[in-house]
């Protein structure tokens, strides 16, 4: 009787696994419209390694990221990341951009689950400090001081005169 239940159950599970592949919820990369005016090349390089797979339109999807349900989780994370900060669409308002350096300094970014699967995104403490300072300089973070009004406007942020 166990075999009578096991085989149909496994066939049903296989059918469901194949059918969910038809749901077209996958990461797509729309065109890059405007990247930030990077403070320096090193900041851009570190951001590409540690941030771009969730916060840009240049996401590199691993092979398993095309297979549901992993693809759905990946798409959800990318959608969330792009909503907070998208380095590829700096021509639209980026509400959280000025906090990116602080997120790196506090160890919130890149998240641990991401670095587990992407060892290249594991930054040393020195690289984290360098990235945080570069993001502050590029995006007007806490450690930056007075920003350039044109750059602030281009990034969709209002200039603060604190």
C-alpha atoms as a PDB file:
ATOM      1  CA  UNK A   1       0.000   0.000   0.000  1.00  0.00           C
ATOM      2  CA  UNK A   2       2.914   2.374   0.656  1.00  0.00           C
ATOM      3  CA  UNK A   3       4.057   2.020  -2.952  1.00  0.00           C
ATOM      4  CA  UNK A   4       0.503   2.712  -4.149  1.00  0.00           C
ATOM      5  CA  UNK A   5       0.582   6.063  -2.373  1.00  0.00           C
ATOM      6  CA  UNK A   6       4.242   6.917  -2.913  1.00  0.00           C
ATOM      7  CA  UNK A   7       4.397   6.597  -6.713  1.00  0.00           C
ATOM      8  CA  UNK A   8       1.308   8.739  -7.442  1.00  0.00           C
ATOM      9  CA  UNK A   9       2.482  11.280  -4.867  1.00  0.00           C
ATOM     10  CA  UNK A  10       5.895  11.532  -6.513  1.00  0.00           C
ATOM     11  CA  UNK A  11       4.309  11.837  -9.958  1.00  0.00           C
ATOM     12  CA  UNK A  12       2.039  14.600  -8.698  1.00  0.00           C
ATOM     13  CA  UNK A  13       4.983  16.399  -7.139  1.00  0.00           C
ATOM     14  CA  UNK A  14       6.927  16.127 -10.397  1.00  0.00           C
ATOM     15  CA  UNK A  15       3.946  17.431 -12.401  1.00  0.00           C
ATOM     16  CA  UNK A  16       3.584  20.426 -10.055  1.00  0.00           C
ATOM     17  CA  UNK A  17       7.330  21.124 -10.226  1.00  0.00           C
ATOM     18  CA  UNK A  18       7.146  21.151 -14.032  1.00  0.00           C
ATOM     19  CA  UNK A  19       3.968  23.221 -14.171  1.00  0.00           C
ATOM     20  CA  UNK A  20       5.290  25.972 -11.921  1.00  0.00           C
ATOM     21  CA  UNK A  21       8.091  26.530 -14.431  1.00  0.00           C
ATOM     22  CA  UNK A  22       5.438  28.020 -16.733  1.00  0.00           C
ATOM     23  CA  UNK A  23       4.746  30.910 -14.347  1.00  0.00           C
ATOM     24  CA  UNK A  24       6.750  33.769 -15.904  1.00  0.00           C
ATOM     25  CA  UNK A  25       7.899  35.462 -12.686  1.00  0.00           C
ATOM     26  CA  UNK A  26      11.619  35.878 -13.325  1.00  0.00           C
ATOM     27  CA  UNK A  27      14.200  38.653 -13.045  1.00  0.00           C
ATOM     28  CA  UNK A  28      14.438  40.865 -16.102  1.00  0.00           C
ATOM     29  CA  UNK A  29      16.920  43.629 -16.771  1.00  0.00           C
ATOM     30  CA  UNK A  30      15.335  46.764 -18.187  1.00  0.00           C
ATOM     31  CA  UNK A  31      17.654  49.259 -19.885  1.00  0.00           C
ATOM     32  CA  UNK A  32      20.073  51.326 -17.831  1.00  0.00           C
ATOM     33  CA  UNK A  33      18.816  54.913 -18.000  1.00  0.00           C
ATOM     34  CA  UNK A  34      21.359  56.747 -15.834  1.00  0.00           C
ATOM     35  CA  UNK A  35      24.110  55.592 -13.503  1.00  0.00           C
ATOM     36  CA  UNK A  36      25.315  57.848 -10.696  1.00  0.00           C
ATOM     37  CA  UNK A  37      28.260  60.153 -11.134  1.00  0.00           C
ATOM     38  CA  UNK A  38      30.569  57.838  -9.200  1.00  0.00           C
ATOM     39  CA  UNK A  39      32.956  59.476  -6.725  1.00  0.00           C
ATOM     40  CA  UNK A  40      35.706  57.207  -8.056  1.00  0.00           C
ATOM     41  CA  UNK A  41      36.259  54.011 -10.010  1.00  0.00           C
ATOM     42  CA  UNK A  42      36.957  51.965  -6.865  1.00  0.00           C
ATOM     43  CA  UNK A  43      33.502  52.785  -5.450  1.00  0.00           C
ATOM     44  CA  UNK A  44      31.881  51.756  -8.716  1.00  0.00           C
ATOM     45  CA  UNK A  45      33.869  48.493  -8.788  1.00  0.00           C
ATOM     46  CA  UNK A  46      32.962  47.601  -5.185  1.00  0.00           C
ATOM     47  CA  UNK A  47      29.297  48.482  -5.768  1.00  0.00           C
ATOM     48  CA  UNK A  48      29.196  46.287  -8.864  1.00  0.00           C
ATOM     49  CA  UNK A  49      30.527  43.329  -6.876  1.00  0.00           C
ATOM     50  CA  UNK A  50      28.498  43.792  -3.693  1.00  0.00           C
ATOM     51  CA  UNK A  51      25.336  45.672  -4.725  1.00  0.00           C
ATOM     52  CA  UNK A  52      24.437  45.421  -8.418  1.00  0.00           C
ATOM     53  CA  UNK A  53      22.791  41.974  -8.323  1.00  0.00           C
ATOM     54  CA  UNK A  54      19.907  43.465  -6.315  1.00  0.00           C
ATOM     55  CA  UNK A  55      20.215  47.217  -6.844  1.00  0.00           C
ATOM     56  CA  UNK A  56      20.627  47.633 -10.601  1.00  0.00           C
ATOM     57  CA  UNK A  57      19.257  46.663 -13.988  1.00  0.00           C
ATOM     58  CA  UNK A  58      22.397  44.600 -14.568  1.00  0.00           C
ATOM     59  CA  UNK A  59      21.513  41.584 -12.423  1.00  0.00           C
ATOM     60  CA  UNK A  60      23.494  38.444 -13.181  1.00  0.00           C
ATOM     61  CA  UNK A  61      21.122  35.539 -12.561  1.00  0.00           C
ATOM     62  CA  UNK A  62      22.778  32.215 -11.718  1.00  0.00           C
ATOM     63  CA  UNK A  63      21.480  29.098 -13.497  1.00  0.00           C
ATOM     64  CA  UNK A  64      19.365  28.060 -10.521  1.00  0.00           C
ATOM     65  CA  UNK A  65      17.810  31.529 -10.493  1.00  0.00           C
ATOM     66  CA  UNK A  66      15.860  30.576 -13.613  1.00  0.00           C
ATOM     67  CA  UNK A  67      14.161  27.629 -11.910  1.00  0.00           C
ATOM     68  CA  UNK A  68      10.945  28.175  -9.945  1.00  0.00           C
ATOM     69  CA  UNK A  69      10.450  28.598  -7.032  1.00  0.00           C
ATOM     70  CA  UNK A  70      14.021  29.928  -6.556  1.00  0.00           C
ATOM     71  CA  UNK A  71      13.377  32.339  -9.443  1.00  0.00           C
ATOM     72  CA  UNK A  72      10.386  33.761  -7.587  1.00  0.00           C
ATOM     73  CA  UNK A  73      12.392  34.416  -4.433  1.00  0.00           C
ATOM     74  CA  UNK A  74      15.184  35.988  -6.461  1.00  0.00           C
ATOM     75  CA  UNK A  75      12.733  38.218  -8.353  1.00  0.00           C
ATOM     76  CA  UNK A  76      11.123  39.322  -5.077  1.00  0.00           C
ATOM     77  CA  UNK A  77      14.522  40.270  -3.596  1.00  0.00           C
ATOM     78  CA  UNK A  78      15.553  42.144  -6.732  1.00  0.00           C
ATOM     79  CA  UNK A  79      12.229  44.005  -6.883  1.00  0.00           C
ATOM     80  CA  UNK A  80      12.644  45.039  -3.233  1.00  0.00           C
ATOM     81  CA  UNK A  81      16.256  46.080  -3.779  1.00  0.00           C
ATOM     82  CA  UNK A  82      15.501  48.120  -6.884  1.00  0.00           C
ATOM     83  CA  UNK A  83      12.593  49.847  -5.141  1.00  0.00           C
ATOM     84  CA  UNK A  84      14.940  51.105  -2.419  1.00  0.00           C
ATOM     85  CA  UNK A  85      17.910  51.957  -4.638  1.00  0.00           C
ATOM     86  CA  UNK A  86      18.566  51.310  -8.308  1.00  0.00           C
ATOM     87  CA  UNK A  87      22.010  52.345  -9.533  1.00  0.00           C
ATOM     88  CA  UNK A  88      20.762  51.978 -13.125  1.00  0.00           C
ATOM     89  CA  UNK A  89      17.898  54.470 -12.843  1.00  0.00           C
ATOM     90  CA  UNK A  90      19.385  57.488 -11.145  1.00  0.00           C
ATOM     91  CA  UNK A  91      17.126  59.657 -13.298  1.00  0.00           C
ATOM     92  CA  UNK A  92      14.220  58.733 -10.993  1.00  0.00           C
ATOM     93  CA  UNK A  93      13.781  59.541  -7.317  1.00  0.00           C
ATOM     94  CA  UNK A  94      15.933  57.298  -5.104  1.00  0.00           C
ATOM     95  CA  UNK A  95      14.455  57.782  -1.634  1.00  0.00           C
ATOM     96  CA  UNK A  96      16.958  55.585   0.215  1.00  0.00           C
ATOM     97  CA  UNK A  97      20.124  56.340  -1.775  1.00  0.00           C
ATOM     98  CA  UNK A  98      21.628  58.624   0.866  1.00  0.00           C
ATOM     99  CA  UNK A  99      21.446  55.791   3.438  1.00  0.00           C
ATOM    100  CA  UNK A 100      23.415  53.236   1.413  1.00  0.00           C
ATOM    101  CA  UNK A 101      26.799  54.040   2.962  1.00  0.00           C
ATOM    102  CA  UNK A 102      25.332  53.741   6.442  1.00  0.00           C
ATOM    103  CA  UNK A 103      23.747  50.367   5.549  1.00  0.00           C
ATOM    104  CA  UNK A 104      27.171  49.064   4.502  1.00  0.00           C
ATOM    105  CA  UNK A 105      28.871  50.497   7.626  1.00  0.00           C
ATOM    106  CA  UNK A 106      26.277  48.858   9.895  1.00  0.00           C
ATOM    107  CA  UNK A 107      26.721  45.478   8.188  1.00  0.00           C
ATOM    108  CA  UNK A 108      23.170  45.422   6.812  1.00  0.00           C
ATOM    109  CA  UNK A 109      24.416  45.350   3.218  1.00  0.00           C
ATOM    110  CA  UNK A 110      25.267  43.168   1.505  1.00  0.00           C
ATOM    111  CA  UNK A 111      23.037  40.781   3.467  1.00  0.00           C
ATOM    112  CA  UNK A 112      24.495  37.564   4.854  1.00  0.00           C
ATOM    113  CA  UNK A 113      22.202  35.320   2.789  1.00  0.00           C
ATOM    114  CA  UNK A 114      23.527  36.993  -0.365  1.00  0.00           C
ATOM    115  CA  UNK A 115      27.195  36.646   0.517  1.00  0.00           C
ATOM    116  CA  UNK A 116      26.682  32.956   1.355  1.00  0.00           C
ATOM    117  CA  UNK A 117      25.709  32.300  -2.255  1.00  0.00           C
ATOM    118  CA  UNK A 118      28.054  34.933  -3.759  1.00  0.00           C
ATOM    119  CA  UNK A 119      31.463  34.671  -2.096  1.00  0.00           C
ATOM    120  CA  UNK A 120      32.834  37.402  -4.364  1.00  0.00           C
ATOM    121  CA  UNK A 121      30.525  39.879  -2.640  1.00  0.00           C
ATOM    122  CA  UNK A 122      32.129  39.225   0.754  1.00  0.00           C
ATOM    123  CA  UNK A 123      33.993  42.425   1.429  1.00  0.00           C
ATOM    124  CA  UNK A 124      36.803  42.852   3.920  1.00  0.00           C
ATOM    125  CA  UNK A 125      36.309  45.415   6.684  1.00  0.00           C
ATOM    126  CA  UNK A 126      38.582  47.803   4.797  1.00  0.00           C
ATOM    127  CA  UNK A 127      36.575  47.318   1.572  1.00  0.00           C
ATOM    128  CA  UNK A 128      33.323  47.925   3.473  1.00  0.00           C
ATOM    129  CA  UNK A 129      34.694  51.187   4.888  1.00  0.00           C
ATOM    130  CA  UNK A 130      35.906  52.179   1.421  1.00  0.00           C
ATOM    131  CA  UNK A 131      32.559  51.331  -0.202  1.00  0.00           C
ATOM    132  CA  UNK A 132      30.583  53.151   2.503  1.00  0.00           C
ATOM    133  CA  UNK A 133      32.693  56.303   2.140  1.00  0.00           C
ATOM    134  CA  UNK A 134      32.449  56.120  -1.647  1.00  0.00           C
ATOM    135  CA  UNK A 135      28.669  55.676  -1.541  1.00  0.00           C
ATOM    136  CA  UNK A 136      28.390  58.653   0.825  1.00  0.00           C
ATOM    137  CA  UNK A 137      30.463  60.740  -1.594  1.00  0.00           C
ATOM    138  CA  UNK A 138      28.518  59.506  -4.622  1.00  0.00           C
ATOM    139  CA  UNK A 139      24.984  59.568  -3.234  1.00  0.00           C
ATOM    140  CA  UNK A 140      25.108  62.238  -0.548  1.00  0.00           C
ATOM    141  CA  UNK A 141      25.205  60.118   2.575  1.00  0.00           C
ATOM    142  CA  UNK A 142      25.770  61.012   6.207  1.00  0.00           C
ATOM    143  CA  UNK A 143      29.552  61.203   5.924  1.00  0.00           C
ATOM    144  CA  UNK A 144      29.590  63.374   2.818  1.00  0.00           C
ATOM    145  CA  UNK A 145      28.851  66.873   4.077  1.00  0.00           C
ATOM    146  CA  UNK A 146      27.643  69.407   1.555  1.00  0.00           C
ATOM    147  CA  UNK A 147      26.739  67.943  -1.821  1.00  0.00           C
ATOM    148  CA  UNK A 148      26.695  69.343  -5.301  1.00  0.00           C
ATOM    149  CA  UNK A 149      23.225  70.661  -6.045  1.00  0.00           C
ATOM    150  CA  UNK A 150      23.240  69.465  -9.639  1.00  0.00           C
ATOM    151  CA  UNK A 151      24.201  65.933  -8.583  1.00  0.00           C
ATOM    152  CA  UNK A 152      21.581  65.971  -5.834  1.00  0.00           C
ATOM    153  CA  UNK A 153      18.902  67.111  -8.276  1.00  0.00           C
ATOM    154  CA  UNK A 154      19.958  64.621 -10.920  1.00  0.00           C
ATOM    155  CA  UNK A 155      19.587  61.844  -8.379  1.00  0.00           C
ATOM    156  CA  UNK A 156      16.076  63.000  -7.506  1.00  0.00           C
ATOM    157  CA  UNK A 157      16.914  64.239  -4.001  1.00  0.00           C
ATOM    158  CA  UNK A 158      16.289  67.661  -2.622  1.00  0.00           C
ATOM    159  CA  UNK A 159      19.339  69.515  -1.314  1.00  0.00           C
ATOM    160  CA  UNK A 160      19.441  69.638   2.505  1.00  0.00           C
ATOM    161  CA  UNK A 161      20.733  72.815   4.104  1.00  0.00           C
ATOM    162  CA  UNK A 162      21.106  71.471   7.659  1.00  0.00           C
END
